[in-house]
Amino acid sequence: MQDTTKITQRTATAASGSPVRIFSFSGDITSTAKDSILSAYRELDGSTYYLLLDFTAVEYINSSGIAIIIQMLLDASKAGNQTVAIFGLSSHFNKVFTMVGINKYAALHPDEAAAIASI
C-alpha cells in the first residue's frame, strides 16, 4: 500500500460538446487524502457540471476513503447542477461502492469512454 494519494485534473469533451472535468486518483485513498480530495472538488466552485472520477490507478480504498468520496458526492448532489460518474474501479471496489450506495449518487462505468458516452 502507498501512503500518498495523488490527484491530477484534466478536461475532456463529451459528445454533446460539454466540457467534462476528470479527477484521476492514484495511490491509496485513506483519511490522509481528505483535504486534498475535498479541496480539489471545492476549487471547482460549482462551475463544472460534469465530473468524472477516475480510479484506474487506485490500489486501495479504506472506509475513511469511501467516506471522503461519499462526502464529495453529497456536496455535488446538494449543488443540484452537477453530474458525477465514476470509472476504473476494480471489480472488488465496484461491488463495495454498489453495496454502500455510491451508485445512487454517481453512475459506475468500466472505463473513461463509457463514462463520457453517458453524458
N, C-alpha and C. Protein backbone atom coordinates (compact mmCIF):
# COMPACT_ATOMS: atom_id res chain seq x y z
N MET A 1 0.82 -1.19 0.00
CA MET A 1 0.00 0.00 0.00
C MET A 1 0.87 1.25 0.00
N GLN A 2 0.43 2.25 -0.77
CA GLN A 2 1.07 3.54 -0.77
C GLN A 2 0.38 4.41 0.26
N ASP A 3 1.11 5.39 0.78
CA ASP A 3 0.51 6.29 1.75
C ASP A 3 -0.03 7.55 1.10
N THR A 4 0.35 7.82 -0.12
CA THR A 4 0.04 9.08 -0.74
C THR A 4 -1.04 8.94 -1.80
N THR A 5 -1.99 9.84 -1.76
CA THR A 5 -2.98 9.92 -2.81
C THR A 5 -2.59 11.08 -3.71
N LYS A 6 -2.54 10.82 -4.99
CA LYS A 6 -2.27 11.88 -5.95
C LYS A 6 -3.52 12.12 -6.76
N ILE A 7 -3.78 13.39 -7.06
CA ILE A 7 -4.93 13.76 -7.87
C ILE A 7 -4.42 14.61 -9.03
N THR A 8 -4.71 14.17 -10.23
CA THR A 8 -4.44 15.01 -11.39
C THR A 8 -5.78 15.37 -12.02
N GLN A 9 -5.82 16.54 -12.61
CA GLN A 9 -7.05 17.01 -13.21
C GLN A 9 -6.82 17.31 -14.68
N ARG A 10 -7.83 17.03 -15.46
CA ARG A 10 -7.79 17.39 -16.87
C ARG A 10 -9.21 17.60 -17.35
N THR A 11 -9.32 18.14 -18.55
CA THR A 11 -10.64 18.40 -19.13
C THR A 11 -10.77 17.60 -20.41
N ALA A 12 -11.94 17.03 -20.61
CA ALA A 12 -12.29 16.32 -21.85
C ALA A 12 -13.56 16.96 -22.39
N THR A 13 -14.01 16.47 -23.52
CA THR A 13 -15.24 16.99 -24.10
C THR A 13 -16.20 15.84 -24.35
N ALA A 14 -17.42 16.00 -23.89
CA ALA A 14 -18.46 15.00 -24.11
C ALA A 14 -18.93 15.08 -25.56
N ALA A 15 -19.62 14.05 -26.01
CA ALA A 15 -20.15 14.04 -27.38
C ALA A 15 -21.07 15.23 -27.61
N SER A 16 -21.71 15.70 -26.55
CA SER A 16 -22.61 16.85 -26.65
C SER A 16 -21.84 18.17 -26.80
N GLY A 17 -20.52 18.11 -26.63
CA GLY A 17 -19.70 19.31 -26.69
C GLY A 17 -19.47 19.94 -25.33
N SER A 18 -20.10 19.40 -24.31
CA SER A 18 -19.95 19.93 -22.96
C SER A 18 -18.58 19.58 -22.40
N PRO A 19 -17.97 20.51 -21.67
CA PRO A 19 -16.70 20.20 -21.03
C PRO A 19 -16.91 19.25 -19.85
N VAL A 20 -15.98 18.36 -19.67
CA VAL A 20 -16.03 17.38 -18.59
C VAL A 20 -14.71 17.47 -17.83
N ARG A 21 -14.79 17.65 -16.52
CA ARG A 21 -13.59 17.67 -15.70
C ARG A 21 -13.35 16.25 -15.20
N ILE A 22 -12.11 15.80 -15.28
CA ILE A 22 -11.76 14.45 -14.84
C ILE A 22 -10.74 14.56 -13.72
N PHE A 23 -11.07 13.95 -12.58
CA PHE A 23 -10.12 13.81 -11.47
C PHE A 23 -9.58 12.39 -11.54
N SER A 24 -8.29 12.26 -11.76
CA SER A 24 -7.66 10.93 -11.77
C SER A 24 -6.91 10.75 -10.45
N PHE A 25 -7.30 9.72 -9.72
CA PHE A 25 -6.67 9.42 -8.44
C PHE A 25 -5.65 8.31 -8.63
N SER A 26 -4.58 8.36 -7.85
CA SER A 26 -3.62 7.26 -7.84
C SER A 26 -3.13 7.05 -6.41
N GLY A 27 -2.65 5.85 -6.15
CA GLY A 27 -2.20 5.50 -4.80
C GLY A 27 -3.35 4.95 -3.98
N ASP A 28 -3.30 5.21 -2.70
CA ASP A 28 -4.33 4.75 -1.77
C ASP A 28 -5.22 5.92 -1.39
N ILE A 29 -6.49 5.63 -1.15
CA ILE A 29 -7.39 6.68 -0.67
C ILE A 29 -7.78 6.31 0.75
N THR A 30 -7.23 7.08 1.69
CA THR A 30 -7.46 6.89 3.12
C THR A 30 -7.76 8.25 3.74
N SER A 31 -7.84 8.30 5.04
CA SER A 31 -8.16 9.55 5.73
C SER A 31 -7.16 10.67 5.41
N THR A 32 -5.93 10.32 5.10
CA THR A 32 -4.92 11.34 4.79
C THR A 32 -5.21 12.07 3.49
N ALA A 33 -6.12 11.55 2.68
CA ALA A 33 -6.45 12.17 1.40
C ALA A 33 -7.59 13.18 1.50
N LYS A 34 -8.20 13.27 2.66
CA LYS A 34 -9.41 14.09 2.80
C LYS A 34 -9.22 15.52 2.31
N ASP A 35 -8.23 16.20 2.83
CA ASP A 35 -8.04 17.61 2.48
C ASP A 35 -7.75 17.79 1.00
N SER A 36 -6.91 16.96 0.43
CA SER A 36 -6.56 17.14 -0.98
C SER A 36 -7.75 16.85 -1.90
N ILE A 37 -8.52 15.81 -1.60
CA ILE A 37 -9.67 15.47 -2.44
C ILE A 37 -10.77 16.52 -2.33
N LEU A 38 -11.14 16.86 -1.12
CA LEU A 38 -12.23 17.84 -0.94
C LEU A 38 -11.82 19.23 -1.40
N SER A 39 -10.56 19.60 -1.23
CA SER A 39 -10.09 20.90 -1.72
C SER A 39 -10.15 20.96 -3.24
N ALA A 40 -9.70 19.89 -3.89
CA ALA A 40 -9.75 19.85 -5.36
C ALA A 40 -11.19 19.98 -5.84
N TYR A 41 -12.10 19.29 -5.18
CA TYR A 41 -13.51 19.39 -5.57
C TYR A 41 -14.04 20.80 -5.33
N ARG A 42 -13.77 21.36 -4.19
CA ARG A 42 -14.32 22.69 -3.85
C ARG A 42 -13.73 23.79 -4.72
N GLU A 43 -12.54 23.57 -5.26
CA GLU A 43 -11.95 24.55 -6.18
C GLU A 43 -12.75 24.66 -7.48
N LEU A 44 -13.56 23.65 -7.78
CA LEU A 44 -14.40 23.72 -8.97
C LEU A 44 -15.45 24.81 -8.81
N ASP A 45 -15.83 25.09 -7.57
CA ASP A 45 -16.73 26.19 -7.25
C ASP A 45 -18.04 26.15 -8.04
N GLY A 46 -18.54 24.93 -8.28
CA GLY A 46 -19.82 24.80 -8.96
C GLY A 46 -19.78 25.10 -10.44
N SER A 47 -18.60 25.42 -10.97
CA SER A 47 -18.50 25.79 -12.38
C SER A 47 -18.45 24.59 -13.31
N THR A 48 -18.21 23.42 -12.78
CA THR A 48 -18.15 22.21 -13.60
C THR A 48 -19.44 21.43 -13.42
N TYR A 49 -20.10 21.14 -14.52
CA TYR A 49 -21.36 20.43 -14.45
C TYR A 49 -21.20 18.93 -14.60
N TYR A 50 -20.12 18.52 -15.26
CA TYR A 50 -19.85 17.10 -15.44
C TYR A 50 -18.48 16.79 -14.85
N LEU A 51 -18.47 15.85 -13.91
CA LEU A 51 -17.23 15.47 -13.24
C LEU A 51 -17.10 13.95 -13.30
N LEU A 52 -15.95 13.50 -13.78
CA LEU A 52 -15.65 12.07 -13.79
C LEU A 52 -14.55 11.80 -12.79
N LEU A 53 -14.71 10.74 -12.01
CA LEU A 53 -13.71 10.32 -11.04
C LEU A 53 -13.06 9.05 -11.56
N ASP A 54 -11.77 9.12 -11.81
CA ASP A 54 -11.01 8.01 -12.39
C ASP A 54 -10.24 7.28 -11.30
N PHE A 55 -10.61 6.03 -11.05
CA PHE A 55 -9.97 5.21 -10.03
C PHE A 55 -9.05 4.15 -10.63
N THR A 56 -8.71 4.28 -11.90
CA THR A 56 -7.91 3.27 -12.59
C THR A 56 -6.60 2.97 -11.87
N ALA A 57 -5.94 3.98 -11.33
CA ALA A 57 -4.62 3.80 -10.70
C ALA A 57 -4.70 3.73 -9.17
N VAL A 58 -5.89 3.53 -8.63
CA VAL A 58 -6.04 3.43 -7.17
C VAL A 58 -5.84 1.97 -6.76
N GLU A 59 -4.97 1.78 -5.79
CA GLU A 59 -4.66 0.43 -5.33
C GLU A 59 -5.52 0.00 -4.14
N TYR A 60 -5.90 0.97 -3.31
CA TYR A 60 -6.59 0.62 -2.06
C TYR A 60 -7.46 1.79 -1.63
N ILE A 61 -8.63 1.48 -1.13
CA ILE A 61 -9.53 2.48 -0.54
C ILE A 61 -10.06 1.88 0.76
N ASN A 62 -9.82 2.56 1.88
CA ASN A 62 -10.39 2.05 3.13
C ASN A 62 -11.71 2.76 3.43
N SER A 63 -12.31 2.44 4.55
CA SER A 63 -13.62 3.01 4.88
C SER A 63 -13.56 4.53 5.00
N SER A 64 -12.46 5.07 5.50
CA SER A 64 -12.32 6.53 5.57
C SER A 64 -12.27 7.13 4.17
N GLY A 65 -11.59 6.46 3.26
CA GLY A 65 -11.53 6.92 1.88
C GLY A 65 -12.90 6.89 1.22
N ILE A 66 -13.66 5.85 1.48
CA ILE A 66 -15.02 5.77 0.94
C ILE A 66 -15.87 6.90 1.51
N ALA A 67 -15.71 7.21 2.78
CA ALA A 67 -16.46 8.31 3.40
C ALA A 67 -16.11 9.65 2.74
N ILE A 68 -14.87 9.84 2.35
CA ILE A 68 -14.46 11.07 1.67
C ILE A 68 -15.16 11.17 0.31
N ILE A 69 -15.17 10.08 -0.42
CA ILE A 69 -15.83 10.07 -1.73
C ILE A 69 -17.33 10.35 -1.56
N ILE A 70 -17.93 9.73 -0.56
CA ILE A 70 -19.35 9.98 -0.30
C ILE A 70 -19.59 11.45 0.03
N GLN A 71 -18.71 12.05 0.83
CA GLN A 71 -18.86 13.47 1.17
C GLN A 71 -18.82 14.33 -0.09
N MET A 72 -17.89 14.04 -0.98
CA MET A 72 -17.80 14.80 -2.23
C MET A 72 -19.07 14.62 -3.06
N LEU A 73 -19.58 13.40 -3.12
CA LEU A 73 -20.80 13.15 -3.89
C LEU A 73 -22.01 13.83 -3.27
N LEU A 74 -22.07 13.87 -1.96
CA LEU A 74 -23.17 14.58 -1.29
C LEU A 74 -23.10 16.08 -1.58
N ASP A 75 -21.88 16.64 -1.57
CA ASP A 75 -21.71 18.05 -1.90
C ASP A 75 -22.19 18.32 -3.33
N ALA A 76 -21.84 17.43 -4.26
CA ALA A 76 -22.26 17.58 -5.65
C ALA A 76 -23.78 17.48 -5.77
N SER A 77 -24.36 16.57 -5.02
CA SER A 77 -25.81 16.40 -5.04
C SER A 77 -26.51 17.65 -4.52
N LYS A 78 -25.97 18.24 -3.46
CA LYS A 78 -26.54 19.46 -2.90
C LYS A 78 -26.44 20.63 -3.87
N ALA A 79 -25.37 20.64 -4.67
CA ALA A 79 -25.20 21.72 -5.65
C ALA A 79 -26.35 21.69 -6.66
N GLY A 80 -26.84 20.49 -6.94
CA GLY A 80 -28.00 20.34 -7.79
C GLY A 80 -27.76 20.50 -9.28
N ASN A 81 -26.60 20.94 -9.68
CA ASN A 81 -26.35 21.15 -11.10
C ASN A 81 -25.12 20.38 -11.60
N GLN A 82 -24.69 19.39 -10.84
CA GLN A 82 -23.51 18.63 -11.21
C GLN A 82 -23.86 17.16 -11.39
N THR A 83 -23.29 16.58 -12.43
CA THR A 83 -23.42 15.16 -12.67
C THR A 83 -22.05 14.54 -12.47
N VAL A 84 -21.99 13.52 -11.64
CA VAL A 84 -20.73 12.84 -11.35
C VAL A 84 -20.84 11.40 -11.79
N ALA A 85 -19.79 10.91 -12.43
CA ALA A 85 -19.70 9.50 -12.81
C ALA A 85 -18.33 8.98 -12.38
N ILE A 86 -18.27 7.70 -12.16
CA ILE A 86 -17.05 7.04 -11.68
C ILE A 86 -16.66 5.96 -12.67
N PHE A 87 -15.36 5.83 -12.92
CA PHE A 87 -14.89 4.73 -13.76
C PHE A 87 -13.54 4.23 -13.27
N GLY A 88 -13.19 3.04 -13.77
CA GLY A 88 -11.88 2.48 -13.47
C GLY A 88 -11.78 1.74 -12.15
N LEU A 89 -12.89 1.42 -11.53
CA LEU A 89 -12.84 0.68 -10.27
C LEU A 89 -12.48 -0.79 -10.53
N SER A 90 -11.74 -1.37 -9.62
CA SER A 90 -11.53 -2.82 -9.69
C SER A 90 -12.88 -3.49 -9.43
N SER A 91 -12.99 -4.75 -9.78
CA SER A 91 -14.28 -5.44 -9.55
C SER A 91 -14.63 -5.45 -8.07
N HIS A 92 -13.63 -5.58 -7.20
CA HIS A 92 -13.87 -5.56 -5.76
C HIS A 92 -14.48 -4.23 -5.33
N PHE A 93 -13.86 -3.11 -5.73
CA PHE A 93 -14.37 -1.82 -5.30
C PHE A 93 -15.65 -1.44 -6.02
N ASN A 94 -15.88 -1.98 -7.20
CA ASN A 94 -17.16 -1.78 -7.86
C ASN A 94 -18.28 -2.38 -7.00
N LYS A 95 -18.04 -3.57 -6.45
CA LYS A 95 -19.01 -4.20 -5.56
C LYS A 95 -19.19 -3.40 -4.27
N VAL A 96 -18.07 -2.95 -3.70
CA VAL A 96 -18.13 -2.18 -2.45
C VAL A 96 -18.90 -0.88 -2.66
N PHE A 97 -18.60 -0.14 -3.73
CA PHE A 97 -19.29 1.12 -3.99
C PHE A 97 -20.79 0.88 -4.17
N THR A 98 -21.15 -0.22 -4.82
CA THR A 98 -22.56 -0.55 -5.01
C THR A 98 -23.20 -0.91 -3.67
N MET A 99 -22.52 -1.69 -2.86
CA MET A 99 -23.07 -2.10 -1.56
C MET A 99 -23.32 -0.92 -0.63
N VAL A 100 -22.43 0.08 -0.65
CA VAL A 100 -22.62 1.23 0.24
C VAL A 100 -23.50 2.31 -0.37
N GLY A 101 -23.97 2.10 -1.59
CA GLY A 101 -24.93 3.01 -2.19
C GLY A 101 -24.36 4.19 -2.96
N ILE A 102 -23.06 4.16 -3.26
CA ILE A 102 -22.46 5.26 -4.00
C ILE A 102 -23.09 5.38 -5.39
N ASN A 103 -23.53 4.26 -5.93
CA ASN A 103 -24.13 4.29 -7.27
C ASN A 103 -25.46 5.05 -7.30
N LYS A 104 -25.99 5.44 -6.16
CA LYS A 104 -27.19 6.29 -6.13
C LYS A 104 -26.84 7.74 -6.44
N TYR A 105 -25.58 8.10 -6.25
CA TYR A 105 -25.13 9.47 -6.45
C TYR A 105 -24.23 9.64 -7.67
N ALA A 106 -23.66 8.55 -8.14
CA ALA A 106 -22.76 8.60 -9.30
C ALA A 106 -22.85 7.28 -10.05
N ALA A 107 -23.02 7.36 -11.35
CA ALA A 107 -23.04 6.15 -12.16
C ALA A 107 -21.65 5.53 -12.20
N LEU A 108 -21.60 4.21 -12.18
CA LEU A 108 -20.33 3.48 -12.23
C LEU A 108 -20.14 2.93 -13.63
N HIS A 109 -18.98 3.20 -14.22
CA HIS A 109 -18.69 2.77 -15.59
C HIS A 109 -17.36 2.02 -15.61
N PRO A 110 -17.18 1.12 -16.57
CA PRO A 110 -15.94 0.35 -16.63
C PRO A 110 -14.73 1.17 -17.06
N ASP A 111 -14.94 2.18 -17.92
CA ASP A 111 -13.80 2.95 -18.43
C ASP A 111 -14.23 4.36 -18.79
N GLU A 112 -13.24 5.17 -19.16
CA GLU A 112 -13.49 6.57 -19.45
C GLU A 112 -14.44 6.75 -20.65
N ALA A 113 -14.24 5.96 -21.68
CA ALA A 113 -15.09 6.10 -22.87
C ALA A 113 -16.56 5.88 -22.53
N ALA A 114 -16.85 4.86 -21.74
CA ALA A 114 -18.23 4.60 -21.33
C ALA A 114 -18.77 5.72 -20.46
N ALA A 115 -17.94 6.26 -19.58
CA ALA A 115 -18.38 7.34 -18.70
C ALA A 115 -18.70 8.60 -19.50
N ILE A 116 -17.83 8.95 -20.43
CA ILE A 116 -18.07 10.14 -21.26
C ILE A 116 -19.28 9.94 -22.16
N ALA A 117 -19.44 8.73 -22.67
CA ALA A 117 -20.59 8.44 -23.54
C ALA A 117 -21.91 8.56 -22.80
N SER A 118 -21.89 8.43 -21.48
CA SER A 118 -23.12 8.50 -20.69
C SER A 118 -23.60 9.93 -20.49
N ILE A 119 -22.78 10.88 -20.84
CA ILE A 119 -23.11 12.30 -20.61
C ILE A 119 -23.87 12.85 -21.81
